[in-house]
Amino acid sequence: MIERALEAEMEQHRAQISRVREEITAQVSTQVTAQVAEQMSAQMQAYEAKIRQLVDGSRVVTSEPEVTNVMAPAHVIYRSSIDSRSDDVNVEPNDDHNEDQPWISVGHKSFISK
């Protein structure tokens, strides 16, 4: 009889603990969800303000665009192997950037004495 009374009391205690745990979990979940939603809202407002500032700033034209000569050739250095037996020049890109090799500048005629 005492065992049955103890078992019944333990079962009531377990049920009460379970209800309290569920209530606490629900409260904490609600609080955490509210905090996360508030933080996300603040971050989104800051992000939207930053984007608005960038977009508004890009609409302001302070001067006319500068006209440049986009067809200007780039100065490129090439390594060349020069055959002294002929007037041929074998020009290859200087991929290894070794400046010790003989070179010519593209676009300029190089006269080499034999």
PDB file of N, CA and C in Angstrom:
ATOM      1  N   MET A   1       0.806  -1.183   0.000  1.00  0.00           N
ATOM      2  CA  MET A   1       0.000   0.000   0.000  1.00  0.00           C
ATOM      3  C   MET A   1       0.864   1.269   0.000  1.00  0.00           C
ATOM      4  N   ILE A   2       1.904   1.262   0.764  1.00  0.00           N
ATOM      5  CA  ILE A   2       2.809   2.411   0.790  1.00  0.00           C
ATOM      6  C   ILE A   2       3.500   2.545  -0.572  1.00  0.00           C
ATOM      7  N   GLU A   3       3.856   1.408  -1.156  1.00  0.00           N
ATOM      8  CA  GLU A   3       4.512   1.443  -2.472  1.00  0.00           C
ATOM      9  C   GLU A   3       3.597   2.056  -3.515  1.00  0.00           C
ATOM     10  N   ARG A   4       2.312   1.687  -3.483  1.00  0.00           N
ATOM     11  CA  ARG A   4       1.357   2.244  -4.449  1.00  0.00           C
ATOM     12  C   ARG A   4       1.211   3.749  -4.247  1.00  0.00           C
ATOM     13  N   ALA A   5       1.169   4.176  -3.017  1.00  0.00           N
ATOM     14  CA  ALA A   5       1.042   5.609  -2.722  1.00  0.00           C
ATOM     15  C   ALA A   5       2.280   6.360  -3.219  1.00  0.00           C
ATOM     16  N   LEU A   6       3.460   5.780  -2.996  1.00  0.00           N
ATOM     17  CA  LEU A   6       4.703   6.407  -3.473  1.00  0.00           C
ATOM     18  C   LEU A   6       4.745   6.455  -5.008  1.00  0.00           C
ATOM     19  N   GLU A   7       4.353   5.374  -5.643  1.00  0.00           N
ATOM     20  CA  GLU A   7       4.336   5.348  -7.112  1.00  0.00           C
ATOM     21  C   GLU A   7       3.365   6.387  -7.668  1.00  0.00           C
ATOM     22  N   ALA A   8       2.190   6.511  -7.053  1.00  0.00           N
ATOM     23  CA  ALA A   8       1.201   7.498  -7.504  1.00  0.00           C
ATOM     24  C   ALA A   8       1.734   8.912  -7.320  1.00  0.00           C
ATOM     25  N   GLU A   9       2.394   9.157  -6.174  1.00  0.00           N
ATOM     26  CA  GLU A   9       2.966  10.483  -5.922  1.00  0.00           C
ATOM     27  C   GLU A   9       4.087  10.787  -6.918  1.00  0.00           C
ATOM     28  N   MET A  10       4.937   9.804  -7.213  1.00  0.00           N
ATOM     29  CA  MET A  10       6.019   9.990  -8.193  1.00  0.00           C
ATOM     30  C   MET A  10       5.455  10.279  -9.583  1.00  0.00           C
ATOM     31  N   GLU A  11       4.395   9.600  -9.937  1.00  0.00           N
ATOM     32  CA  GLU A  11       3.767   9.824 -11.247  1.00  0.00           C
ATOM     33  C   GLU A  11       3.195  11.240 -11.332  1.00  0.00           C
ATOM     34  N   GLN A  12       2.540  11.702 -10.254  1.00  0.00           N
ATOM     35  CA  GLN A  12       2.024  13.072 -10.228  1.00  0.00           C
ATOM     36  C   GLN A  12       3.175  14.075 -10.352  1.00  0.00           C
ATOM     37  N   HIS A  13       4.260  13.800  -9.647  1.00  0.00           N
ATOM     38  CA  HIS A  13       5.429  14.682  -9.692  1.00  0.00           C
ATOM     39  C   HIS A  13       6.018  14.732 -11.114  1.00  0.00           C
ATOM     40  N   ARG A  14       6.134  13.584 -11.763  1.00  0.00           N
ATOM     41  CA  ARG A  14       6.636  13.529 -13.154  1.00  0.00           C
ATOM     42  C   ARG A  14       5.732  14.328 -14.089  1.00  0.00           C
ATOM     43  N   ALA A  15       4.425  14.175 -13.929  1.00  0.00           N
ATOM     44  CA  ALA A  15       3.474  14.904 -14.777  1.00  0.00           C
ATOM     45  C   ALA A  15       3.594  16.405 -14.547  1.00  0.00           C
ATOM     46  N   GLN A  16       3.736  16.800 -13.268  1.00  0.00           N
ATOM     47  CA  GLN A  16       3.876  18.221 -12.950  1.00  0.00           C
ATOM     48  C   GLN A  16       5.182  18.768 -13.535  1.00  0.00           C
ATOM     49  N   ILE A  17       6.276  18.044 -13.393  1.00  0.00           N
ATOM     50  CA  ILE A  17       7.578  18.451 -13.948  1.00  0.00           C
ATOM     51  C   ILE A  17       7.470  18.575 -15.470  1.00  0.00           C
ATOM     52  N   SER A  18       6.814  17.646 -16.105  1.00  0.00           N
ATOM     53  CA  SER A  18       6.653  17.666 -17.557  1.00  0.00           C
ATOM     54  C   SER A  18       5.878  18.905 -18.000  1.00  0.00           C
ATOM     55  N   ARG A  19       4.779  19.242 -17.284  1.00  0.00           N
ATOM     56  CA  ARG A  19       3.992  20.436 -17.624  1.00  0.00           C
ATOM     57  C   ARG A  19       4.821  21.708 -17.444  1.00  0.00           C
ATOM     58  N   VAL A  20       5.560  21.783 -16.340  1.00  0.00           N
ATOM     59  CA  VAL A  20       6.405  22.962 -16.074  1.00  0.00           C
ATOM     60  C   VAL A  20       7.471  23.093 -17.163  1.00  0.00           C
ATOM     61  N   ARG A  21       8.094  21.978 -17.537  1.00  0.00           N
ATOM     62  CA  ARG A  21       9.117  21.988 -18.591  1.00  0.00           C
ATOM     63  C   ARG A  21       8.525  22.493 -19.907  1.00  0.00           C
ATOM     64  N   GLU A  22       7.337  22.017 -20.266  1.00  0.00           N
ATOM     65  CA  GLU A  22       6.680  22.461 -21.504  1.00  0.00           C
ATOM     66  C   GLU A  22       6.360  23.951 -21.458  1.00  0.00           C
ATOM     67  N   GLU A  23       5.887  24.450 -20.295  1.00  0.00           N
ATOM     68  CA  GLU A  23       5.584  25.874 -20.161  1.00  0.00           C
ATOM     69  C   GLU A  23       6.843  26.723 -20.302  1.00  0.00           C
ATOM     70  N   ILE A  24       7.917  26.299 -19.639  1.00  0.00           N
ATOM     71  CA  ILE A  24       9.186  27.042 -19.711  1.00  0.00           C
ATOM     72  C   ILE A  24       9.723  27.025 -21.137  1.00  0.00           C
ATOM     73  N   THR A  25       9.661  25.880 -21.777  1.00  0.00           N
ATOM     74  CA  THR A  25      10.130  25.772 -23.166  1.00  0.00           C
ATOM     75  C   THR A  25       9.336  26.701 -24.071  1.00  0.00           C
ATOM     76  N   ALA A  26       8.032  26.754 -23.897  1.00  0.00           N
ATOM     77  CA  ALA A  26       7.194  27.630 -24.719  1.00  0.00           C
ATOM     78  C   ALA A  26       7.534  29.095 -24.469  1.00  0.00           C
ATOM     79  N   GLN A  27       7.740  29.481 -23.199  1.00  0.00           N
ATOM     80  CA  GLN A  27       8.084  30.863 -22.874  1.00  0.00           C
ATOM     81  C   GLN A  27       9.436  31.249 -23.465  1.00  0.00           C
ATOM     82  N   VAL A  28      10.420  30.373 -23.284  1.00  0.00           N
ATOM     83  CA  VAL A  28      11.763  30.654 -23.802  1.00  0.00           C
ATOM     84  C   VAL A  28      11.735  30.722 -25.323  1.00  0.00           C
ATOM     85  N   SER A  29      11.024  29.807 -25.949  1.00  0.00           N
ATOM     86  CA  SER A  29      10.931  29.818 -27.414  1.00  0.00           C
ATOM     87  C   SER A  29      10.302  31.114 -27.900  1.00  0.00           C
ATOM     88  N   THR A  30       9.254  31.564 -27.231  1.00  0.00           N
ATOM     89  CA  THR A  30       8.588  32.808 -27.614  1.00  0.00           C
ATOM     90  C   THR A  30       9.536  33.991 -27.442  1.00  0.00           C
ATOM     91  N   GLN A  31      10.268  34.029 -26.322  1.00  0.00           N
ATOM     92  CA  GLN A  31      11.205  35.123 -26.075  1.00  0.00           C
ATOM     93  C   GLN A  31      12.344  35.127 -27.091  1.00  0.00           C
ATOM     94  N   VAL A  32      12.904  33.963 -27.338  1.00  0.00           N
ATOM     95  CA  VAL A  32      14.017  33.871 -28.293  1.00  0.00           C
ATOM     96  C   VAL A  32      13.543  34.248 -29.689  1.00  0.00           C
ATOM     97  N   THR A  33      12.382  33.767 -30.080  1.00  0.00           N
ATOM     98  CA  THR A  33      11.839  34.096 -31.398  1.00  0.00           C
ATOM     99  C   THR A  33      11.617  35.600 -31.522  1.00  0.00           C
ATOM    100  N   ALA A  34      11.091  36.228 -30.482  1.00  0.00           N
ATOM    101  CA  ALA A  34      10.858  37.675 -30.507  1.00  0.00           C
ATOM    102  C   ALA A  34      12.181  38.434 -30.602  1.00  0.00           C
ATOM    103  N   GLN A  35      13.204  38.001 -29.853  1.00  0.00           N
ATOM    104  CA  GLN A  35      14.504  38.669 -29.898  1.00  0.00           C
ATOM    105  C   GLN A  35      15.157  38.528 -31.267  1.00  0.00           C
ATOM    106  N   VAL A  36      15.102  37.345 -31.820  1.00  0.00           N
ATOM    107  CA  VAL A  36      15.692  37.119 -33.147  1.00  0.00           C
ATOM    108  C   VAL A  36      14.959  37.947 -34.193  1.00  0.00           C
ATOM    109  N   ALA A  37      13.638  37.981 -34.124  1.00  0.00           N
ATOM    110  CA  ALA A  37      12.861  38.770 -35.082  1.00  0.00           C
ATOM    111  C   ALA A  37      13.195  40.251 -34.957  1.00  0.00           C
ATOM    112  N   GLU A  38      13.371  40.735 -33.737  1.00  0.00           N
ATOM    113  CA  GLU A  38      13.716  42.144 -33.516  1.00  0.00           C
ATOM    114  C   GLU A  38      15.106  42.455 -34.074  1.00  0.00           C
ATOM    115  N   GLN A  39      16.070  41.580 -33.814  1.00  0.00           N
ATOM    116  CA  GLN A  39      17.430  41.779 -34.329  1.00  0.00           C
ATOM    117  C   GLN A  39      17.451  41.745 -35.856  1.00  0.00           C
ATOM    118  N   MET A  40      16.741  40.802 -36.438  1.00  0.00           N
ATOM    119  CA  MET A  40      16.695  40.698 -37.901  1.00  0.00           C
ATOM    120  C   MET A  40      16.038  41.933 -38.509  1.00  0.00           C
ATOM    121  N   SER A  41      15.005  42.440 -37.877  1.00  0.00           N
ATOM    122  CA  SER A  41      14.329  43.637 -38.364  1.00  0.00           C
ATOM    123  C   SER A  41      15.282  44.832 -38.329  1.00  0.00           C
ATOM    124  N   ALA A  42      16.023  44.985 -37.237  1.00  0.00           N
ATOM    125  CA  ALA A  42      16.977  46.092 -37.125  1.00  0.00           C
ATOM    126  C   ALA A  42      18.080  45.966 -38.175  1.00  0.00           C
ATOM    127  N   GLN A  43      18.592  44.758 -38.377  1.00  0.00           N
ATOM    128  CA  GLN A  43      19.636  44.546 -39.388  1.00  0.00           C
ATOM    129  C   GLN A  43      19.105  44.830 -40.788  1.00  0.00           C
ATOM    130  N   MET A  44      17.875  44.425 -41.061  1.00  0.00           N
ATOM    131  CA  MET A  44      17.286  44.650 -42.380  1.00  0.00           C
ATOM    132  C   MET A  44      17.062  46.138 -42.619  1.00  0.00           C
ATOM    133  N   GLN A  45      16.621  46.866 -41.607  1.00  0.00           N
ATOM    134  CA  GLN A  45      16.432  48.307 -41.759  1.00  0.00           C
ATOM    135  C   GLN A  45      17.764  48.999 -42.036  1.00  0.00           C
ATOM    136  N   ALA A  46      18.823  48.602 -41.331  1.00  0.00           N
ATOM    137  CA  ALA A  46      20.149  49.179 -41.563  1.00  0.00           C
ATOM    138  C   ALA A  46      20.636  48.852 -42.970  1.00  0.00           C
ATOM    139  N   TYR A  47      20.417  47.628 -43.406  1.00  0.00           N
ATOM    140  CA  TYR A  47      20.819  47.212 -44.753  1.00  0.00           C
ATOM    141  C   TYR A  47      20.059  48.004 -45.815  1.00  0.00           C
ATOM    142  N   GLU A  48      18.747  48.140 -45.643  1.00  0.00           N
ATOM    143  CA  GLU A  48      17.940  48.891 -46.608  1.00  0.00           C
ATOM    144  C   GLU A  48      18.369  50.349 -46.659  1.00  0.00           C
ATOM    145  N   ALA A  49      18.696  50.945 -45.511  1.00  0.00           N
ATOM    146  CA  ALA A  49      19.161  52.336 -45.483  1.00  0.00           C
ATOM    147  C   ALA A  49      20.484  52.469 -46.230  1.00  0.00           C
ATOM    148  N   LYS A  50      21.366  51.514 -46.046  1.00  0.00           N
ATOM    149  CA  LYS A  50      22.662  51.541 -46.735  1.00  0.00           C
ATOM    150  C   LYS A  50      22.474  51.410 -48.246  1.00  0.00           C
ATOM    151  N   ILE A  51      21.615  50.500 -48.670  1.00  0.00           N
ATOM    152  CA  ILE A  51      21.347  50.315 -50.101  1.00  0.00           C
ATOM    153  C   ILE A  51      20.709  51.574 -50.679  1.00  0.00           C
ATOM    154  N   ARG A  52      19.744  52.161 -49.951  1.00  0.00           N
ATOM    155  CA  ARG A  52      19.103  53.395 -50.416  1.00  0.00           C
ATOM    156  C   ARG A  52      20.131  54.502 -50.597  1.00  0.00           C
ATOM    157  N   GLN A  53      21.069  54.609 -49.650  1.00  0.00           N
ATOM    158  CA  GLN A  53      22.115  55.623 -49.732  1.00  0.00           C
ATOM    159  C   GLN A  53      22.998  55.389 -50.960  1.00  0.00           C
ATOM    160  N   LEU A  54      23.350  54.136 -51.221  1.00  0.00           N
ATOM    161  CA  LEU A  54      24.167  53.826 -52.400  1.00  0.00           C
ATOM    162  C   LEU A  54      23.424  54.143 -53.689  1.00  0.00           C
ATOM    163  N   VAL A  55      22.144  53.772 -53.747  1.00  0.00           N
ATOM    164  CA  VAL A  55      21.353  54.018 -54.954  1.00  0.00           C
ATOM    165  C   VAL A  55      21.167  55.514 -55.167  1.00  0.00           C
ATOM    166  N   ASP A  56      20.834  56.240 -54.104  1.00  0.00           N
ATOM    167  CA  ASP A  56      20.656  57.689 -54.228  1.00  0.00           C
ATOM    168  C   ASP A  56      21.957  58.364 -54.628  1.00  0.00           C
ATOM    169  N   GLY A  57      23.073  57.906 -54.087  1.00  0.00           N
ATOM    170  CA  GLY A  57      24.372  58.480 -54.436  1.00  0.00           C
ATOM    171  C   GLY A  57      24.762  58.197 -55.869  1.00  0.00           C
ATOM    172  N   SER A  58      24.322  57.076 -56.409  1.00  0.00           N
ATOM    173  CA  SER A  58      24.688  56.744 -57.786  1.00  0.00           C
ATOM    174  C   SER A  58      23.880  57.548 -58.792  1.00  0.00           C
ATOM    175  N   ARG A  59      22.791  58.160 -58.361  1.00  0.00           N
ATOM    176  CA  ARG A  59      21.969  58.956 -59.275  1.00  0.00           C
ATOM    177  C   ARG A  59      22.509  60.367 -59.462  1.00  0.00           C
ATOM    178  N   VAL A  60      23.389  60.812 -58.581  1.00  0.00           N
ATOM    179  CA  VAL A  60      23.917  62.171 -58.646  1.00  0.00           C
ATOM    180  C   VAL A  60      25.050  62.209 -59.662  1.00  0.00           C
ATOM    181  N   VAL A  61      24.931  63.087 -60.657  1.00  0.00           N
ATOM    182  CA  VAL A  61      25.977  63.260 -61.660  1.00  0.00           C
ATOM    183  C   VAL A  61      26.638  64.595 -61.378  1.00  0.00           C
ATOM    184  N   THR A  62      27.925  64.564 -61.024  1.00  0.00           N
ATOM    185  CA  THR A  62      28.613  65.793 -60.656  1.00  0.00           C
ATOM    186  C   THR A  62      29.322  66.435 -61.837  1.00  0.00           C
ATOM    187  N   SER A  63      29.642  65.673 -62.874  1.00  0.00           N
ATOM    188  CA  SER A  63      30.329  66.245 -64.030  1.00  0.00           C
ATOM    189  C   SER A  63      30.075  65.369 -65.243  1.00  0.00           C
ATOM    190  N   GLU A  64      30.432  65.903 -66.386  1.00  0.00           N
ATOM    191  CA  GLU A  64      30.314  65.142 -67.625  1.00  0.00           C
ATOM    192  C   GLU A  64      31.376  64.054 -67.642  1.00  0.00           C
ATOM    193  N   PRO A  65      31.107  62.948 -68.300  1.00  0.00           N
ATOM    194  CA  PRO A  65      32.127  61.898 -68.376  1.00  0.00           C
ATOM    195  C   PRO A  65      33.344  62.374 -69.157  1.00  0.00           C
ATOM    196  N   GLU A  66      34.508  61.927 -68.721  1.00  0.00           N
ATOM    197  CA  GLU A  66      35.752  62.307 -69.376  1.00  0.00           C
ATOM    198  C   GLU A  66      35.941  61.466 -70.636  1.00  0.00           C
ATOM    199  N   VAL A  67      36.289  62.132 -71.729  1.00  0.00           N
ATOM    200  CA  VAL A  67      36.513  61.429 -72.989  1.00  0.00           C
ATOM    201  C   VAL A  67      37.978  61.020 -73.033  1.00  0.00           C
ATOM    202  N   THR A  68      38.212  59.742 -73.250  1.00  0.00           N
ATOM    203  CA  THR A  68      39.583  59.246 -73.326  1.00  0.00           C
ATOM    204  C   THR A  68      39.779  58.511 -74.639  1.00  0.00           C
ATOM    205  N   ASN A  69      41.015  58.371 -75.033  1.00  0.00           N
ATOM    206  CA  ASN A  69      41.353  57.630 -76.235  1.00  0.00           C
ATOM    207  C   ASN A  69      41.495  56.164 -75.841  1.00  0.00           C
ATOM    208  N   VAL A  70      40.447  55.405 -76.051  1.00  0.00           N
ATOM    209  CA  VAL A  70      40.472  54.000 -75.656  1.00  0.00           C
ATOM    210  C   VAL A  70      41.239  53.138 -76.647  1.00  0.00           C
ATOM    211  N   MET A  71      41.635  53.696 -77.770  1.00  0.00           N
ATOM    212  CA  MET A  71      42.347  52.916 -78.777  1.00  0.00           C
ATOM    213  C   MET A  71      43.862  53.000 -78.609  1.00  0.00           C
ATOM    214  N   ALA A  72      44.348  53.652 -77.559  1.00  0.00           N
ATOM    215  CA  ALA A  72      45.790  53.773 -77.363  1.00  0.00           C
ATOM    216  C   ALA A  72      46.383  52.383 -77.137  1.00  0.00           C
ATOM    217  N   PRO A  73      47.433  52.021 -77.879  1.00  0.00           N
ATOM    218  CA  PRO A  73      48.012  50.681 -77.730  1.00  0.00           C
ATOM    219  C   PRO A  73      48.790  50.561 -76.423  1.00  0.00           C
ATOM    220  N   ALA A  74      48.786  49.383 -75.882  1.00  0.00           N
ATOM    221  CA  ALA A  74      49.558  49.108 -74.674  1.00  0.00           C
ATOM    222  C   ALA A  74      50.988  48.783 -75.072  1.00  0.00           C
ATOM    223  N   HIS A  75      51.951  49.234 -74.274  1.00  0.00           N
ATOM    224  CA  HIS A  75      53.361  48.949 -74.536  1.00  0.00           C
ATOM    225  C   HIS A  75      53.669  47.564 -73.980  1.00  0.00           C
ATOM    226  N   VAL A  76      54.016  46.625 -74.842  1.00  0.00           N
ATOM    227  CA  VAL A  76      54.257  45.244 -74.441  1.00  0.00           C
ATOM    228  C   VAL A  76      55.686  44.878 -74.787  1.00  0.00           C
ATOM    229  N   ILE A  77      56.368  44.264 -73.852  1.00  0.00           N
ATOM    230  CA  ILE A  77      57.748  43.828 -74.098  1.00  0.00           C
ATOM    231  C   ILE A  77      57.726  42.354 -74.474  1.00  0.00           C
ATOM    232  N   TYR A  78      58.402  42.015 -75.573  1.00  0.00           N
ATOM    233  CA  TYR A  78      58.486  40.636 -76.045  1.00  0.00           C
ATOM    234  C   TYR A  78      59.941  40.205 -76.053  1.00  0.00           C
ATOM    235  N   ARG A  79      60.174  38.935 -75.800  1.00  0.00           N
ATOM    236  CA  ARG A  79      61.500  38.349 -75.950  1.00  0.00           C
ATOM    237  C   ARG A  79      61.646  37.939 -77.410  1.00  0.00           C
ATOM    238  N   SER A  80      62.794  38.152 -77.967  1.00  0.00           N
ATOM    239  CA  SER A  80      62.989  37.753 -79.363  1.00  0.00           C
ATOM    240  C   SER A  80      64.290  36.976 -79.492  1.00  0.00           C
ATOM    241  N   SER A  81      64.258  36.004 -80.382  1.00  0.00           N
ATOM    242  CA  SER A  81      65.510  35.344 -80.740  1.00  0.00           C
ATOM    243  C   SER A  81      65.846  35.838 -82.138  1.00  0.00           C
ATOM    244  N   ILE A  82      67.001  36.414 -82.276  1.00  0.00           N
ATOM    245  CA  ILE A  82      67.378  37.047 -83.540  1.00  0.00           C
ATOM    246  C   ILE A  82      68.356  36.135 -84.271  1.00  0.00           C
ATOM    247  N   ASP A  83      68.000  35.796 -85.495  1.00  0.00           N
ATOM    248  CA  ASP A  83      68.852  34.949 -86.327  1.00  0.00           C
ATOM    249  C   ASP A  83      69.786  35.867 -87.109  1.00  0.00           C
ATOM    250  N   SER A  84      71.086  35.796 -86.801  1.00  0.00           N
ATOM    251  CA  SER A  84      72.051  36.695 -87.445  1.00  0.00           C
ATOM    252  C   SER A  84      72.265  36.342 -88.912  1.00  0.00           C
ATOM    253  N   ARG A  85      71.821  35.155 -89.351  1.00  0.00           N
ATOM    254  CA  ARG A  85      72.000  34.755 -90.739  1.00  0.00           C
ATOM    255  C   ARG A  85      70.912  35.305 -91.637  1.00  0.00           C
ATOM    256  N   SER A  86      69.849  35.831 -91.054  1.00  0.00           N
ATOM    257  CA  SER A  86      68.767  36.365 -91.883  1.00  0.00           C
ATOM    258  C   SER A  86      68.218  37.627 -91.232  1.00  0.00           C
ATOM    259  N   ASP A  87      67.273  38.230 -91.907  1.00  0.00           N
ATOM    260  CA  ASP A  87      66.647  39.438 -91.370  1.00  0.00           C
ATOM    261  C   ASP A  87      65.395  39.104 -90.555  1.00  0.00           C
ATOM    262  N   ASP A  88      65.162  37.795 -90.293  1.00  0.00           N
ATOM    263  CA  ASP A  88      63.960  37.380 -89.561  1.00  0.00           C
ATOM    264  C   ASP A  88      64.137  37.609 -88.063  1.00  0.00           C
ATOM    265  N   VAL A  89      63.070  37.991 -87.432  1.00  0.00           N
ATOM    266  CA  VAL A  89      63.054  38.131 -85.977  1.00  0.00           C
ATOM    267  C   VAL A  89      61.906  37.270 -85.468  1.00  0.00           C
ATOM    268  N   ASN A  90      62.220  36.323 -84.593  1.00  0.00           N
ATOM    269  CA  ASN A  90      61.202  35.453 -84.006  1.00  0.00           C
ATOM    270  C   ASN A  90      60.767  36.084 -82.682  1.00  0.00           C
ATOM    271  N   VAL A  91      59.541  36.570 -82.642  1.00  0.00           N
ATOM    272  CA  VAL A  91      59.063  37.286 -81.453  1.00  0.00           C
ATOM    273  C   VAL A  91      58.100  36.391 -80.687  1.00  0.00           C
ATOM    274  N   GLU A  92      58.363  36.234 -79.378  1.00  0.00           N
ATOM    275  CA  GLU A  92      57.509  35.430 -78.506  1.00  0.00           C
ATOM    276  C   GLU A  92      57.188  36.251 -77.256  1.00  0.00           C
ATOM    277  N   PRO A  93      56.036  36.021 -76.661  1.00  0.00           N
ATOM    278  CA  PRO A  93      55.730  36.731 -75.411  1.00  0.00           C
ATOM    279  C   PRO A  93      56.732  36.374 -74.323  1.00  0.00           C
ATOM    280  N   ASN A  94      57.100  37.351 -73.518  1.00  0.00           N
ATOM    281  CA  ASN A  94      58.046  37.144 -72.428  1.00  0.00           C
ATOM    282  C   ASN A  94      57.277  36.690 -71.198  1.00  0.00           C
ATOM    283  N   ASP A  95      56.858  35.403 -71.191  1.00  0.00           N
ATOM    284  CA  ASP A  95      56.032  34.884 -70.104  1.00  0.00           C
ATOM    285  C   ASP A  95      56.793  34.746 -68.792  1.00  0.00           C
ATOM    286  N   ASP A  96      58.099  34.455 -68.879  1.00  0.00           N
ATOM    287  CA  ASP A  96      58.852  34.239 -67.644  1.00  0.00           C
ATOM    288  C   ASP A  96      59.412  35.547 -67.085  1.00  0.00           C
ATOM    289  N   HIS A  97      59.155  36.667 -67.740  1.00  0.00           N
ATOM    290  CA  HIS A  97      59.580  38.000 -67.299  1.00  0.00           C
ATOM    291  C   HIS A  97      61.080  38.055 -67.029  1.00  0.00           C
ATOM    292  N   ASN A  98      61.854  37.355 -67.831  1.00  0.00           N
ATOM    293  CA  ASN A  98      63.298  37.343 -67.687  1.00  0.00           C
ATOM    294  C   ASN A  98      63.858  38.487 -68.515  1.00  0.00           C
ATOM    295  N   GLU A  99      64.296  39.547 -67.871  1.00  0.00           N
ATOM    296  CA  GLU A  99      64.768  40.734 -68.584  1.00  0.00           C
ATOM    297  C   GLU A  99      66.195  40.572 -69.105  1.00  0.00           C
ATOM    298  N   ASP A 100      66.870  39.448 -68.787  1.00  0.00           N
ATOM    299  CA  ASP A 100      68.223  39.225 -69.284  1.00  0.00           C
ATOM    300  C   ASP A 100      68.227  38.825 -70.754  1.00  0.00           C
ATOM    301  N   GLN A 101      67.079  38.404 -71.267  1.00  0.00           N
ATOM    302  CA  GLN A 101      66.985  37.983 -72.658  1.00  0.00           C
ATOM    303  C   GLN A 101      66.952  39.214 -73.565  1.00  0.00           C
ATOM    304  N   PRO A 102      67.463  39.088 -74.818  1.00  0.00           N
ATOM    305  CA  PRO A 102      67.320  40.195 -75.767  1.00  0.00           C
ATOM    306  C   PRO A 102      65.839  40.471 -75.997  1.00  0.00           C
ATOM    307  N   TRP A 103      65.465  41.714 -76.195  1.00  0.00           N
ATOM    308  CA  TRP A 103      64.056  42.036 -76.391  1.00  0.00           C
ATOM    309  C   TRP A 103      63.904  43.191 -77.361  1.00  0.00           C
ATOM    310  N   ILE A 104      62.731  43.235 -77.943  1.00  0.00           N
ATOM    311  CA  ILE A 104      62.356  44.387 -78.757  1.00  0.00           C
ATOM    312  C   ILE A 104      60.997  44.848 -78.270  1.00  0.00           C
ATOM    313  N   SER A 105      60.687  46.076 -78.536  1.00  0.00           N
ATOM    314  CA  SER A 105      59.392  46.613 -78.149  1.00  0.00           C
ATOM    315  C   SER A 105      58.497  46.567 -79.370  1.00  0.00           C
ATOM    316  N   VAL A 106      57.325  45.966 -79.236  1.00  0.00           N
ATOM    317  CA  VAL A 106      56.408  45.829 -80.358  1.00  0.00           C
ATOM    318  C   VAL A 106      55.997  47.212 -80.833  1.00  0.00           C
ATOM    319  N   GLY A 107      56.014  47.400 -82.129  1.00  0.00           N
ATOM    320  CA  GLY A 107      55.609  48.677 -82.698  1.00  0.00           C
ATOM    321  C   GLY A 107      56.790  49.557 -83.044  1.00  0.00           C
ATOM    322  N   HIS A 108      57.981  49.174 -82.605  1.00  0.00           N
ATOM    323  CA  HIS A 108      59.178  49.944 -82.934  1.00  0.00           C
ATOM    324  C   HIS A 108      60.111  49.041 -83.723  1.00  0.00           C
ATOM    325  N   LYS A 109      60.588  49.517 -84.861  1.00  0.00           N
ATOM    326  CA  LYS A 109      61.496  48.714 -85.674  1.00  0.00           C
ATOM    327  C   LYS A 109      62.886  48.777 -85.059  1.00  0.00           C
ATOM    328  N   SER A 110      63.485  47.636 -84.904  1.00  0.00           N
ATOM    329  CA  SER A 110      64.796  47.557 -84.281  1.00  0.00           C
ATOM    330  C   SER A 110      65.826  47.219 -85.358  1.00  0.00           C
ATOM    331  N   PHE A 111      66.879  48.038 -85.470  1.00  0.00           N
ATOM    332  CA  PHE A 111      67.953  47.769 -86.427  1.00  0.00           C
ATOM    333  C   PHE A 111      69.120  47.165 -85.671  1.00  0.00           C
ATOM    334  N   ILE A 112      69.519  45.991 -86.091  1.00  0.00           N
ATOM    335  CA  ILE A 112      70.603  45.293 -85.410  1.00  0.00           C
ATOM    336  C   ILE A 112      71.756  45.156 -86.386  1.00  0.00           C
ATOM    337  N   SER A 113      72.935  45.603 -85.952  1.00  0.00           N
ATOM    338  CA  SER A 113      74.098  45.513 -86.848  1.00  0.00           C
ATOM    339  C   SER A 113      74.629  44.095 -86.834  1.00  0.00           C
ATOM    340  N   LYS A 114      75.103  43.659 -88.013  1.00  0.00           N
ATOM    341  CA  LYS A 114      75.599  42.288 -88.135  1.00  0.00           C
ATOM    342  C   LYS A 114      77.092  42.269 -88.011  1.00  0.00           C
TER     343      LYS A 114
END
